[in-house]
């Protein structure tokens, strides 16, 4: 039997060194975002301008973000911001977290570039 995995796929036009970790899918309707609702094994986060893909262990990211047991969640150190750059009906909210902070927390992150495909 082959093992099945669930993936969460995200795309941004411009690389900023940060990830937008969505906590609200639609803030006025109080609809939780994918950081709360996703049951993914992996988060795939692609940046179009640099053609880079970050593959992140989602359960490890979730545990870091929200804490486990008596350990506080780290996501609350980052200000919650709303996203209104795109023309959309819903008002999305989330935390802008530097990728380097996620890596420093020893969350498994792999970075792939377009050049990796050629080698």
PDB file of N, CA and C in Angstrom:
ATOM      1  N   UNK A   1       0.830  -1.191   0.000  1.00  0.00           N
ATOM      2  CA  UNK A   1       0.000   0.000   0.000  1.00  0.00           C
ATOM      3  C   UNK A   1       0.869   1.248   0.000  1.00  0.00           C
ATOM      4  N   UNK A   2       0.463   2.219  -0.747  1.00  0.00           N
ATOM      5  CA  UNK A   2       1.190   3.490  -0.757  1.00  0.00           C
ATOM      6  C   UNK A   2       0.554   4.436   0.264  1.00  0.00           C
ATOM      7  N   UNK A   3       1.388   5.248   0.869  1.00  0.00           N
ATOM      8  CA  UNK A   3       0.910   6.210   1.845  1.00  0.00           C
ATOM      9  C   UNK A   3       0.402   7.450   1.125  1.00  0.00           C
ATOM     10  N   UNK A   4      -0.689   8.009   1.617  1.00  0.00           N
ATOM     11  CA  UNK A   4      -1.241   9.214   1.022  1.00  0.00           C
ATOM     12  C   UNK A   4      -0.910  10.410   1.909  1.00  0.00           C
ATOM     13  N   UNK A   5      -0.688  11.554   1.244  1.00  0.00           N
ATOM     14  CA  UNK A   5      -0.385  12.791   1.941  1.00  0.00           C
ATOM     15  C   UNK A   5      -1.338  13.873   1.487  1.00  0.00           C
ATOM     16  N   UNK A   6      -1.608  14.806   2.383  1.00  0.00           N
ATOM     17  CA  UNK A   6      -2.406  15.974   2.039  1.00  0.00           C
ATOM     18  C   UNK A   6      -1.504  17.185   1.938  1.00  0.00           C
ATOM     19  N   UNK A   7      -1.756  18.032   0.953  1.00  0.00           N
ATOM     20  CA  UNK A   7      -0.928  19.202   0.716  1.00  0.00           C
ATOM     21  C   UNK A   7      -1.770  20.471   0.745  1.00  0.00           C
ATOM     22  N   UNK A   8      -1.190  21.534   1.248  1.00  0.00           N
ATOM     23  CA  UNK A   8      -1.776  22.878   1.197  1.00  0.00           C
ATOM     24  C   UNK A   8      -0.907  23.662   0.222  1.00  0.00           C
ATOM     25  N   UNK A   9      -1.516  24.233  -0.811  1.00  0.00           N
ATOM     26  CA  UNK A   9      -0.777  24.923  -1.864  1.00  0.00           C
ATOM     27  C   UNK A   9      -1.029  26.423  -1.801  1.00  0.00           C
ATOM     28  N   UNK A  10       0.053  27.203  -1.798  1.00  0.00           N
ATOM     29  CA  UNK A  10      -0.050  28.663  -1.752  1.00  0.00           C
ATOM     30  C   UNK A  10       0.852  29.249  -2.827  1.00  0.00           C
ATOM     31  N   UNK A  11       0.464  30.422  -3.312  1.00  0.00           N
ATOM     32  CA  UNK A  11       1.199  31.082  -4.392  1.00  0.00           C
ATOM     33  C   UNK A  11       1.210  32.579  -4.121  1.00  0.00           C
ATOM     34  N   UNK A  12       2.358  33.187  -4.311  1.00  0.00           N
ATOM     35  CA  UNK A  12       2.463  34.640  -4.222  1.00  0.00           C
ATOM     36  C   UNK A  12       3.246  35.132  -5.419  1.00  0.00           C
ATOM     37  N   UNK A  13       2.925  36.319  -5.880  1.00  0.00           N
ATOM     38  CA  UNK A  13       3.600  36.878  -7.044  1.00  0.00           C
ATOM     39  C   UNK A  13       5.029  37.305  -6.724  1.00  0.00           C
ATOM     40  N   UNK A  14       5.241  37.853  -5.516  1.00  0.00           N
ATOM     41  CA  UNK A  14       6.534  38.450  -5.195  1.00  0.00           C
ATOM     42  C   UNK A  14       7.111  37.868  -3.910  1.00  0.00           C
ATOM     43  N   UNK A  15       8.385  37.508  -3.968  1.00  0.00           N
ATOM     44  CA  UNK A  15       9.095  37.001  -2.790  1.00  0.00           C
ATOM     45  C   UNK A  15       9.454  38.159  -1.874  1.00  0.00           C
ATOM     46  N   UNK A  16       9.100  38.044  -0.599  1.00  0.00           N
ATOM     47  CA  UNK A  16       9.418  39.068   0.392  1.00  0.00           C
ATOM     48  C   UNK A  16      10.270  38.525   1.532  1.00  0.00           C
ATOM     49  N   UNK A  17      10.466  37.211   1.543  1.00  0.00           N
ATOM     50  CA  UNK A  17      11.155  36.593   2.665  1.00  0.00           C
ATOM     51  C   UNK A  17      10.204  36.178   3.769  1.00  0.00           C
ATOM     52  N   UNK A  18       8.902  36.400   3.542  1.00  0.00           N
ATOM     53  CA  UNK A  18       7.873  36.102   4.539  1.00  0.00           C
ATOM     54  C   UNK A  18       6.845  35.128   3.979  1.00  0.00           C
ATOM     55  N   UNK A  19       6.146  34.486   4.895  1.00  0.00           N
ATOM     56  CA  UNK A  19       4.965  33.697   4.550  1.00  0.00           C
ATOM     57  C   UNK A  19       3.757  34.380   5.175  1.00  0.00           C
ATOM     58  N   UNK A  20       2.645  34.372   4.456  1.00  0.00           N
ATOM     59  CA  UNK A  20       1.386  34.867   5.005  1.00  0.00           C
ATOM     60  C   UNK A  20       0.628  33.644   5.513  1.00  0.00           C
ATOM     61  N   UNK A  21       0.584  33.485   6.838  1.00  0.00           N
ATOM     62  CA  UNK A  21      -0.087  32.339   7.452  1.00  0.00           C
ATOM     63  C   UNK A  21      -1.517  32.753   7.783  1.00  0.00           C
ATOM     64  N   UNK A  22      -2.446  32.282   6.963  1.00  0.00           N
ATOM     65  CA  UNK A  22      -3.840  32.728   7.026  1.00  0.00           C
ATOM     66  C   UNK A  22      -4.554  32.201   8.264  1.00  0.00           C
ATOM     67  N   UNK A  23      -5.012  33.121   9.098  1.00  0.00           N
ATOM     68  CA  UNK A  23      -5.797  32.765  10.282  1.00  0.00           C
ATOM     69  C   UNK A  23      -7.285  33.017  10.083  1.00  0.00           C
ATOM     70  N   UNK A  24      -7.605  33.891   9.134  1.00  0.00           N
ATOM     71  CA  UNK A  24      -9.007  34.182   8.808  1.00  0.00           C
ATOM     72  C   UNK A  24      -9.202  34.089   7.304  1.00  0.00           C
ATOM     73  N   UNK A  25     -10.119  33.248   6.886  1.00  0.00           N
ATOM     74  CA  UNK A  25     -10.474  33.156   5.479  1.00  0.00           C
ATOM     75  C   UNK A  25     -11.404  34.302   5.099  1.00  0.00           C
ATOM     76  N   UNK A  26     -12.293  34.649   6.022  1.00  0.00           N
ATOM     77  CA  UNK A  26     -13.218  35.762   5.823  1.00  0.00           C
ATOM     78  C   UNK A  26     -13.510  36.361   7.195  1.00  0.00           C
ATOM     79  N   UNK A  27     -12.762  37.388   7.537  1.00  0.00           N
ATOM     80  CA  UNK A  27     -12.846  37.983   8.870  1.00  0.00           C
ATOM     81  C   UNK A  27     -14.248  38.456   9.253  1.00  0.00           C
ATOM     82  N   UNK A  28     -14.963  39.202   8.399  1.00  0.00           N
ATOM     83  CA  UNK A  28     -16.304  39.644   8.797  1.00  0.00           C
ATOM     84  C   UNK A  28     -17.272  38.490   9.090  1.00  0.00           C
ATOM     85  N   UNK A  29     -17.078  37.358   8.429  1.00  0.00           N
ATOM     86  CA  UNK A  29     -17.948  36.187   8.654  1.00  0.00           C
ATOM     87  C   UNK A  29     -17.392  35.241   9.721  1.00  0.00           C
ATOM     88  N   UNK A  30     -16.224  35.600  10.276  1.00  0.00           N
ATOM     89  CA  UNK A  30     -15.560  34.788  11.310  1.00  0.00           C
ATOM     90  C   UNK A  30     -15.252  33.371  10.807  1.00  0.00           C
ATOM     91  N   UNK A  31     -14.849  33.274   9.550  1.00  0.00           N
ATOM     92  CA  UNK A  31     -14.489  31.993   8.961  1.00  0.00           C
ATOM     93  C   UNK A  31     -12.986  31.797   9.137  1.00  0.00           C
ATOM     94  N   UNK A  32     -12.630  30.743   9.853  1.00  0.00           N
ATOM     95  CA  UNK A  32     -11.222  30.490  10.132  1.00  0.00           C
ATOM     96  C   UNK A  32     -10.435  30.192   8.860  1.00  0.00           C
ATOM     97  N   UNK A  33      -9.162  30.570   8.873  1.00  0.00           N
ATOM     98  CA  UNK A  33      -8.277  30.355   7.736  1.00  0.00           C
ATOM     99  C   UNK A  33      -7.608  29.000   7.759  1.00  0.00           C
ATOM    100  N   UNK A  34      -6.830  28.742   6.723  1.00  0.00           N
ATOM    101  CA  UNK A  34      -6.240  27.413   6.533  1.00  0.00           C
ATOM    102  C   UNK A  34      -5.238  27.038   7.610  1.00  0.00           C
ATOM    103  N   UNK A  35      -4.654  27.984   8.328  1.00  0.00           N
ATOM    104  CA  UNK A  35      -3.749  27.600   9.422  1.00  0.00           C
ATOM    105  C   UNK A  35      -4.505  26.829  10.500  1.00  0.00           C
ATOM    106  N   UNK A  36      -5.783  27.120  10.668  1.00  0.00           N
ATOM    107  CA  UNK A  36      -6.601  26.403  11.639  1.00  0.00           C
ATOM    108  C   UNK A  36      -7.268  25.172  11.036  1.00  0.00           C
ATOM    109  N   UNK A  37      -7.701  25.282   9.805  1.00  0.00           N
ATOM    110  CA  UNK A  37      -8.579  24.246   9.246  1.00  0.00           C
ATOM    111  C   UNK A  37      -7.872  23.175   8.432  1.00  0.00           C
ATOM    112  N   UNK A  38      -6.686  23.459   7.936  1.00  0.00           N
ATOM    113  CA  UNK A  38      -6.010  22.496   7.065  1.00  0.00           C
ATOM    114  C   UNK A  38      -5.536  21.279   7.845  1.00  0.00           C
ATOM    115  N   UNK A  39      -5.704  20.139   7.244  1.00  0.00           N
ATOM    116  CA  UNK A  39      -5.204  18.874   7.793  1.00  0.00           C
ATOM    117  C   UNK A  39      -4.017  18.372   6.977  1.00  0.00           C
ATOM    118  N   UNK A  40      -3.341  19.288   6.302  1.00  0.00           N
ATOM    119  CA  UNK A  40      -2.254  18.943   5.382  1.00  0.00           C
ATOM    120  C   UNK A  40      -1.055  18.349   6.108  1.00  0.00           C
ATOM    121  N   UNK A  41      -0.302  17.581   5.354  1.00  0.00           N
ATOM    122  CA  UNK A  41       0.989  17.078   5.813  1.00  0.00           C
ATOM    123  C   UNK A  41       2.107  18.040   5.412  1.00  0.00           C
ATOM    124  N   UNK A  42       1.912  18.689   4.261  1.00  0.00           N
ATOM    125  CA  UNK A  42       2.928  19.579   3.711  1.00  0.00           C
ATOM    126  C   UNK A  42       2.300  20.883   3.244  1.00  0.00           C
ATOM    127  N   UNK A  43       3.014  21.986   3.473  1.00  0.00           N
ATOM    128  CA  UNK A  43       2.650  23.285   2.928  1.00  0.00           C
ATOM    129  C   UNK A  43       3.621  23.573   1.787  1.00  0.00           C
ATOM    130  N   UNK A  44       3.088  23.752   0.592  1.00  0.00           N
ATOM    131  CA  UNK A  44       3.870  24.119  -0.579  1.00  0.00           C
ATOM    132  C   UNK A  44       3.619  25.601  -0.841  1.00  0.00           C
ATOM    133  N   UNK A  45       4.660  26.412  -0.751  1.00  0.00           N
ATOM    134  CA  UNK A  45       4.520  27.859  -0.878  1.00  0.00           C
ATOM    135  C   UNK A  45       5.424  28.315  -2.023  1.00  0.00           C
ATOM    136  N   UNK A  46       4.811  28.776  -3.132  1.00  0.00           N
ATOM    137  CA  UNK A  46       5.538  29.133  -4.345  1.00  0.00           C
ATOM    138  C   UNK A  46       5.553  30.638  -4.554  1.00  0.00           C
ATOM    139  N   UNK A  47       6.729  31.163  -4.952  1.00  0.00           N
ATOM    140  CA  UNK A  47       6.884  32.575  -5.283  1.00  0.00           C
ATOM    141  C   UNK A  47       7.188  32.680  -6.768  1.00  0.00           C
ATOM    142  N   UNK A  48       6.308  33.348  -7.507  1.00  0.00           N
ATOM    143  CA  UNK A  48       6.392  33.379  -8.970  1.00  0.00           C
ATOM    144  C   UNK A  48       7.607  34.148  -9.485  1.00  0.00           C
ATOM    145  N   UNK A  49       7.947  35.267  -8.848  1.00  0.00           N
ATOM    146  CA  UNK A  49       9.033  36.085  -9.389  1.00  0.00           C
ATOM    147  C   UNK A  49      10.396  35.408  -9.283  1.00  0.00           C
ATOM    148  N   UNK A  50      10.621  34.673  -8.206  1.00  0.00           N
ATOM    149  CA  UNK A  50      11.907  33.993  -8.024  1.00  0.00           C
ATOM    150  C   UNK A  50      11.848  32.527  -8.460  1.00  0.00           C
ATOM    151  N   UNK A  51      10.633  32.064  -8.771  1.00  0.00           N
ATOM    152  CA  UNK A  51      10.415  30.661  -9.147  1.00  0.00           C
ATOM    153  C   UNK A  51      10.978  29.715  -8.086  1.00  0.00           C
ATOM    154  N   UNK A  52      10.709  30.072  -6.830  1.00  0.00           N
ATOM    155  CA  UNK A  52      11.155  29.255  -5.708  1.00  0.00           C
ATOM    156  C   UNK A  52       9.953  28.631  -5.008  1.00  0.00           C
ATOM    157  N   UNK A  53      10.157  27.395  -4.589  1.00  0.00           N
ATOM    158  CA  UNK A  53       9.132  26.646  -3.884  1.00  0.00           C
ATOM    159  C   UNK A  53       9.672  26.260  -2.519  1.00  0.00           C
ATOM    160  N   UNK A  54       8.920  26.564  -1.493  1.00  0.00           N
ATOM    161  CA  UNK A  54       9.255  26.159  -0.137  1.00  0.00           C
ATOM    162  C   UNK A  54       8.300  25.039   0.257  1.00  0.00           C
ATOM    163  N   UNK A  55       8.856  23.950   0.729  1.00  0.00           N
ATOM    164  CA  UNK A  55       8.061  22.815   1.180  1.00  0.00           C
ATOM    165  C   UNK A  55       8.282  22.701   2.682  1.00  0.00           C
ATOM    166  N   UNK A  56       7.197  22.821   3.438  1.00  0.00           N
ATOM    167  CA  UNK A  56       7.275  22.931   4.891  1.00  0.00           C
ATOM    168  C   UNK A  56       6.446  21.829   5.534  1.00  0.00           C
ATOM    169  N   UNK A  57       7.002  21.223   6.556  1.00  0.00           N
ATOM    170  CA  UNK A  57       6.303  20.202   7.344  1.00  0.00           C
ATOM    171  C   UNK A  57       5.151  20.905   8.070  1.00  0.00           C
ATOM    172  N   UNK A  58       3.914  20.687   7.588  1.00  0.00           N
ATOM    173  CA  UNK A  58       2.784  21.448   8.121  1.00  0.00           C
ATOM    174  C   UNK A  58       2.454  21.096   9.575  1.00  0.00           C
ATOM    175  N   UNK A  59       2.434  19.816   9.986  1.00  0.00           N
ATOM    176  CA  UNK A  59       2.167  19.554  11.405  1.00  0.00           C
ATOM    177  C   UNK A  59       3.192  20.224  12.333  1.00  0.00           C
ATOM    178  N   UNK A  60       4.464  20.265  11.923  1.00  0.00           N
ATOM    179  CA  UNK A  60       5.485  20.937  12.733  1.00  0.00           C
ATOM    180  C   UNK A  60       5.239  22.441  12.763  1.00  0.00           C
ATOM    181  N   UNK A  61       4.862  23.018  11.624  1.00  0.00           N
ATOM    182  CA  UNK A  61       4.536  24.442  11.562  1.00  0.00           C
ATOM    183  C   UNK A  61       3.337  24.755  12.454  1.00  0.00           C
ATOM    184  N   UNK A  62       2.325  23.910  12.401  1.00  0.00           N
ATOM    185  CA  UNK A  62       1.115  24.110  13.204  1.00  0.00           C
ATOM    186  C   UNK A  62       1.442  24.060  14.697  1.00  0.00           C
ATOM    187  N   UNK A  63       2.260  23.077  15.092  1.00  0.00           N
ATOM    188  CA  UNK A  63       2.629  22.967  16.513  1.00  0.00           C
ATOM    189  C   UNK A  63       3.418  24.183  16.977  1.00  0.00           C
ATOM    190  N   UNK A  64       4.326  24.659  16.130  1.00  0.00           N
ATOM    191  CA  UNK A  64       5.089  25.861  16.447  1.00  0.00           C
ATOM    192  C   UNK A  64       4.144  27.061  16.556  1.00  0.00           C
ATOM    193  N   UNK A  65       3.219  27.167  15.618  1.00  0.00           N
ATOM    194  CA  UNK A  65       2.319  28.314  15.564  1.00  0.00           C
ATOM    195  C   UNK A  65       1.396  28.388  16.772  1.00  0.00           C
ATOM    196  N   UNK A  66       0.798  27.265  17.128  1.00  0.00           N
ATOM    197  CA  UNK A  66      -0.259  27.290  18.138  1.00  0.00           C
ATOM    198  C   UNK A  66       0.128  26.685  19.476  1.00  0.00           C
ATOM    199  N   UNK A  67       1.311  26.104  19.555  1.00  0.00           N
ATOM    200  CA  UNK A  67       1.776  25.540  20.813  1.00  0.00           C
ATOM    201  C   UNK A  67       1.223  24.147  21.044  1.00  0.00           C
ATOM    202  N   UNK A  68       1.922  23.430  21.896  1.00  0.00           N
ATOM    203  CA  UNK A  68       1.532  22.071  22.248  1.00  0.00           C
ATOM    204  C   UNK A  68       1.613  21.968  23.765  1.00  0.00           C
ATOM    205  N   UNK A  69       0.580  21.407  24.379  1.00  0.00           N
ATOM    206  CA  UNK A  69       0.581  21.288  25.834  1.00  0.00           C
ATOM    207  C   UNK A  69       0.623  22.662  26.474  1.00  0.00           C
ATOM    208  N   UNK A  70       1.626  22.874  27.308  1.00  0.00           N
ATOM    209  CA  UNK A  70       1.752  24.158  27.999  1.00  0.00           C
ATOM    210  C   UNK A  70       2.636  25.141  27.252  1.00  0.00           C
ATOM    211  N   UNK A  71       3.161  24.745  26.118  1.00  0.00           N
ATOM    212  CA  UNK A  71       4.030  25.625  25.332  1.00  0.00           C
ATOM    213  C   UNK A  71       3.174  26.617  24.548  1.00  0.00           C
ATOM    214  N   UNK A  72       3.521  27.911  24.659  1.00  0.00           N
ATOM    215  CA  UNK A  72       2.774  28.954  23.963  1.00  0.00           C
ATOM    216  C   UNK A  72       3.017  28.888  22.458  1.00  0.00           C
ATOM    217  N   UNK A  73       2.022  29.298  21.706  1.00  0.00           N
ATOM    218  CA  UNK A  73       2.153  29.365  20.265  1.00  0.00           C
ATOM    219  C   UNK A  73       2.978  30.576  19.843  1.00  0.00           C
ATOM    220  N   UNK A  74       3.868  30.372  18.879  1.00  0.00           N
ATOM    221  CA  UNK A  74       4.766  31.434  18.428  1.00  0.00           C
ATOM    222  C   UNK A  74       4.098  32.389  17.447  1.00  0.00           C
ATOM    223  N   UNK A  75       2.997  31.974  16.828  1.00  0.00           N
ATOM    224  CA  UNK A  75       2.357  32.814  15.805  1.00  0.00           C
ATOM    225  C   UNK A  75       1.855  34.137  16.387  1.00  0.00           C
ATOM    226  N   UNK A  76       1.581  34.126  17.682  1.00  0.00           N
ATOM    227  CA  UNK A  76       1.012  35.317  18.317  1.00  0.00           C
ATOM    228  C   UNK A  76       2.047  36.425  18.513  1.00  0.00           C
ATOM    229  N   UNK A  77       3.321  36.138  18.254  1.00  0.00           N
ATOM    230  CA  UNK A  77       4.361  37.170  18.313  1.00  0.00           C
ATOM    231  C   UNK A  77       4.300  38.106  17.105  1.00  0.00           C
ATOM    232  N   UNK A  78       3.555  37.703  16.083  1.00  0.00           N
ATOM    233  CA  UNK A  78       3.503  38.450  14.826  1.00  0.00           C
ATOM    234  C   UNK A  78       2.141  39.122  14.698  1.00  0.00           C
ATOM    235  N   UNK A  79       2.156  40.374  14.296  1.00  0.00           N
ATOM    236  CA  UNK A  79       0.920  41.145  14.185  1.00  0.00           C
ATOM    237  C   UNK A  79      -0.010  40.518  13.147  1.00  0.00           C
ATOM    238  N   UNK A  80      -1.294  40.539  13.461  1.00  0.00           N
ATOM    239  CA  UNK A  80      -2.277  40.074  12.492  1.00  0.00           C
ATOM    240  C   UNK A  80      -2.570  41.198  11.509  1.00  0.00           C
ATOM    241  N   UNK A  81      -2.557  40.861  10.241  1.00  0.00           N
ATOM    242  CA  UNK A  81      -2.798  41.841   9.184  1.00  0.00           C
ATOM    243  C   UNK A  81      -3.883  41.325   8.265  1.00  0.00           C
ATOM    244  N   UNK A  82      -4.574  42.236   7.620  1.00  0.00           N
ATOM    245  CA  UNK A  82      -5.562  41.832   6.626  1.00  0.00           C
ATOM    246  C   UNK A  82      -4.956  41.981   5.240  1.00  0.00           C
ATOM    247  N   UNK A  83      -5.438  41.177   4.339  1.00  0.00           N
ATOM    248  CA  UNK A  83      -4.949  41.164   2.959  1.00  0.00           C
ATOM    249  C   UNK A  83      -6.052  41.680   2.070  1.00  0.00           C
ATOM    250  N   UNK A  84      -5.787  42.783   1.410  1.00  0.00           N
ATOM    251  CA  UNK A  84      -6.787  43.330   0.500  1.00  0.00           C
ATOM    252  C   UNK A  84      -6.145  43.745  -0.827  1.00  0.00           C
ATOM    253  N   UNK A  85      -4.985  43.157  -1.150  1.00  0.00           N
ATOM    254  CA  UNK A  85      -4.312  43.471  -2.411  1.00  0.00           C
ATOM    255  C   UNK A  85      -5.070  42.930  -3.611  1.00  0.00           C
ATOM    256  N   UNK A  86      -5.663  41.774  -3.425  1.00  0.00           N
ATOM    257  CA  UNK A  86      -6.379  41.133  -4.535  1.00  0.00           C
ATOM    258  C   UNK A  86      -7.836  41.561  -4.531  1.00  0.00           C
ATOM    259  N   UNK A  87      -8.442  41.591  -5.698  1.00  0.00           N
ATOM    260  CA  UNK A  87      -9.854  41.922  -5.815  1.00  0.00           C
ATOM    261  C   UNK A  87     -10.670  40.694  -5.426  1.00  0.00           C
ATOM    262  N   UNK A  88     -11.120  40.669  -4.185  1.00  0.00           N
ATOM    263  CA  UNK A  88     -11.867  39.522  -3.694  1.00  0.00           C
ATOM    264  C   UNK A  88     -12.967  39.991  -2.748  1.00  0.00           C
ATOM    265  N   UNK A  89     -13.976  39.167  -2.606  1.00  0.00           N
ATOM    266  CA  UNK A  89     -15.125  39.509  -1.773  1.00  0.00           C
ATOM    267  C   UNK A  89     -14.789  39.395  -0.291  1.00  0.00           C
ATOM    268  N   UNK A  90     -14.042  38.357   0.072  1.00  0.00           N
ATOM    269  CA  UNK A  90     -13.746  38.113   1.480  1.00  0.00           C
ATOM    270  C   UNK A  90     -12.548  38.942   1.944  1.00  0.00           C
ATOM    271  N   UNK A  91     -12.494  39.220   3.250  1.00  0.00           N
ATOM    272  CA  UNK A  91     -11.381  39.929   3.862  1.00  0.00           C
ATOM    273  C   UNK A  91     -10.549  38.893   4.610  1.00  0.00           C
ATOM    274  N   UNK A  92      -9.356  38.605   4.084  1.00  0.00           N
ATOM    275  CA  UNK A  92      -8.485  37.580   4.628  1.00  0.00           C
ATOM    276  C   UNK A  92      -7.558  38.192   5.674  1.00  0.00           C
ATOM    277  N   UNK A  93      -7.349  37.461   6.764  1.00  0.00           N
ATOM    278  CA  UNK A  93      -6.430  37.904   7.803  1.00  0.00           C
ATOM    279  C   UNK A  93      -5.388  36.844   8.080  1.00  0.00           C
ATOM    280  N   UNK A  94      -4.228  37.274   8.521  1.00  0.00           N
ATOM    281  CA  UNK A  94      -3.186  36.313   8.838  1.00  0.00           C
ATOM    282  C   UNK A  94      -1.981  36.986   9.464  1.00  0.00           C
ATOM    283  N   UNK A  95      -0.990  36.167   9.725  1.00  0.00           N
ATOM    284  CA  UNK A  95       0.250  36.623  10.342  1.00  0.00           C
ATOM    285  C   UNK A  95       1.366  36.549   9.306  1.00  0.00           C
ATOM    286  N   UNK A  96       2.125  37.620   9.184  1.00  0.00           N
ATOM    287  CA  UNK A  96       3.252  37.663   8.263  1.00  0.00           C
ATOM    288  C   UNK A  96       4.489  37.231   9.047  1.00  0.00           C
ATOM    289  N   UNK A  97       5.019  36.063   8.679  1.00  0.00           N
ATOM    290  CA  UNK A  97       6.098  35.455   9.440  1.00  0.00           C
ATOM    291  C   UNK A  97       7.325  35.290   8.544  1.00  0.00           C
ATOM    292  N   UNK A  98       8.481  35.817   8.957  1.00  0.00           N
ATOM    293  CA  UNK A  98       9.700  35.615   8.173  1.00  0.00           C
ATOM    294  C   UNK A  98      10.058  34.129   8.065  1.00  0.00           C
ATOM    295  N   UNK A  99      10.413  33.704   6.878  1.00  0.00           N
ATOM    296  CA  UNK A  99      10.808  32.312   6.664  1.00  0.00           C
ATOM    297  C   UNK A  99      11.993  31.955   7.551  1.00  0.00           C
ATOM    298  N   UNK A 100      12.896  32.898   7.740  1.00  0.00           N
ATOM    299  CA  UNK A 100      14.073  32.643   8.565  1.00  0.00           C
ATOM    300  C   UNK A 100      13.694  32.308  10.010  1.00  0.00           C
ATOM    301  N   UNK A 101      12.598  32.883  10.515  1.00  0.00           N
ATOM    302  CA  UNK A 101      12.132  32.569  11.870  1.00  0.00           C
ATOM    303  C   UNK A 101      11.611  31.139  11.944  1.00  0.00           C
ATOM    304  N   UNK A 102      10.956  30.707  10.891  1.00  0.00           N
ATOM    305  CA  UNK A 102      10.441  29.335  10.848  1.00  0.00           C
ATOM    306  C   UNK A 102      11.608  28.349  10.795  1.00  0.00           C
ATOM    307  N   UNK A 103      12.613  28.665   9.994  1.00  0.00           N
ATOM    308  CA  UNK A 103      13.795  27.815   9.909  1.00  0.00           C
ATOM    309  C   UNK A 103      14.555  27.798  11.239  1.00  0.00           C
ATOM    310  N   UNK A 104      14.655  28.947  11.906  1.00  0.00           N
ATOM    311  CA  UNK A 104      15.354  29.035  13.189  1.00  0.00           C
ATOM    312  C   UNK A 104      14.668  28.201  14.266  1.00  0.00           C
ATOM    313  N   UNK A 105      13.365  28.006  14.112  1.00  0.00           N
ATOM    314  CA  UNK A 105      12.599  27.183  15.056  1.00  0.00           C
ATOM    315  C   UNK A 105      12.764  25.687  14.759  1.00  0.00           C
ATOM    316  N   UNK A 106      13.613  25.364  13.781  1.00  0.00           N
ATOM    317  CA  UNK A 106      13.914  23.973  13.395  1.00  0.00           C
ATOM    318  C   UNK A 106      12.717  23.232  12.799  1.00  0.00           C
ATOM    319  N   UNK A 107      11.844  23.999  12.155  1.00  0.00           N
ATOM    320  CA  UNK A 107      10.744  23.393  11.411  1.00  0.00           C
ATOM    321  C   UNK A 107      11.327  22.955  10.073  1.00  0.00           C
ATOM    322  N   UNK A 108      11.108  21.706   9.673  1.00  0.00           N
ATOM    323  CA  UNK A 108      11.658  21.247   8.396  1.00  0.00           C
ATOM    324  C   UNK A 108      11.131  22.068   7.215  1.00  0.00           C
ATOM    325  N   UNK A 109      12.063  22.740   6.526  1.00  0.00           N
ATOM    326  CA  UNK A 109      11.758  23.560   5.356  1.00  0.00           C
ATOM    327  C   UNK A 109      12.755  23.189   4.266  1.00  0.00           C
ATOM    328  N   UNK A 110      12.246  22.870   3.093  1.00  0.00           N
ATOM    329  CA  UNK A 110      13.114  22.637   1.937  1.00  0.00           C
ATOM    330  C   UNK A 110      12.808  23.712   0.907  1.00  0.00           C
ATOM    331  N   UNK A 111      13.865  24.239   0.303  1.00  0.00           N
ATOM    332  CA  UNK A 111      13.730  25.305  -0.686  1.00  0.00           C
ATOM    333  C   UNK A 111      14.203  24.766  -2.033  1.00  0.00           C
ATOM    334  N   UNK A 112      13.357  24.927  -3.039  1.00  0.00           N
ATOM    335  CA  UNK A 112      13.677  24.465  -4.382  1.00  0.00           C
ATOM    336  C   UNK A 112      13.604  25.644  -5.342  1.00  0.00           C
ATOM    337  N   UNK A 113      14.539  25.670  -6.293  1.00  0.00           N
ATOM    338  CA  UNK A 113      14.519  26.707  -7.317  1.00  0.00           C
ATOM    339  C   UNK A 113      14.331  26.051  -8.673  1.00  0.00           C
ATOM    340  N   UNK A 114      14.062  26.871  -9.676  1.00  0.00           N
ATOM    341  CA  UNK A 114      13.915  26.349 -11.039  1.00  0.00           C
ATOM    342  C   UNK A 114      15.189  25.652 -11.483  1.00  0.00           C
ATOM    343  N   UNK A 115      16.340  26.124 -11.020  1.00  0.00           N
ATOM    344  CA  UNK A 115      17.618  25.501 -11.372  1.00  0.00           C
ATOM    345  C   UNK A 115      17.724  24.066 -10.854  1.00  0.00           C
ATOM    346  N   UNK A 116      17.055  23.760  -9.767  1.00  0.00           N
ATOM    347  CA  UNK A 116      17.086  22.405  -9.212  1.00  0.00           C
ATOM    348  C   UNK A 116      16.525  21.389 -10.193  1.00  0.00           C
ATOM    349  N   UNK A 117      15.616  21.807 -11.037  1.00  0.00           N
ATOM    350  CA  UNK A 117      15.012  20.897 -12.028  1.00  0.00           C
ATOM    351  C   UNK A 117      16.000  20.517 -13.121  1.00  0.00           C
ATOM    352  N   UNK A 118      16.947  21.403 -13.378  1.00  0.00           N
ATOM    353  CA  UNK A 118      17.896  21.180 -14.461  1.00  0.00           C
ATOM    354  C   UNK A 118      19.037  20.249 -14.060  1.00  0.00           C
ATOM    355  N   UNK A 119      19.309  20.172 -12.748  1.00  0.00           N
ATOM    356  CA  UNK A 119      20.459  19.407 -12.269  1.00  0.00           C
ATOM    357  C   UNK A 119      20.090  18.019 -11.991  1.00  0.00           C
TER     358      UNK A 119
END
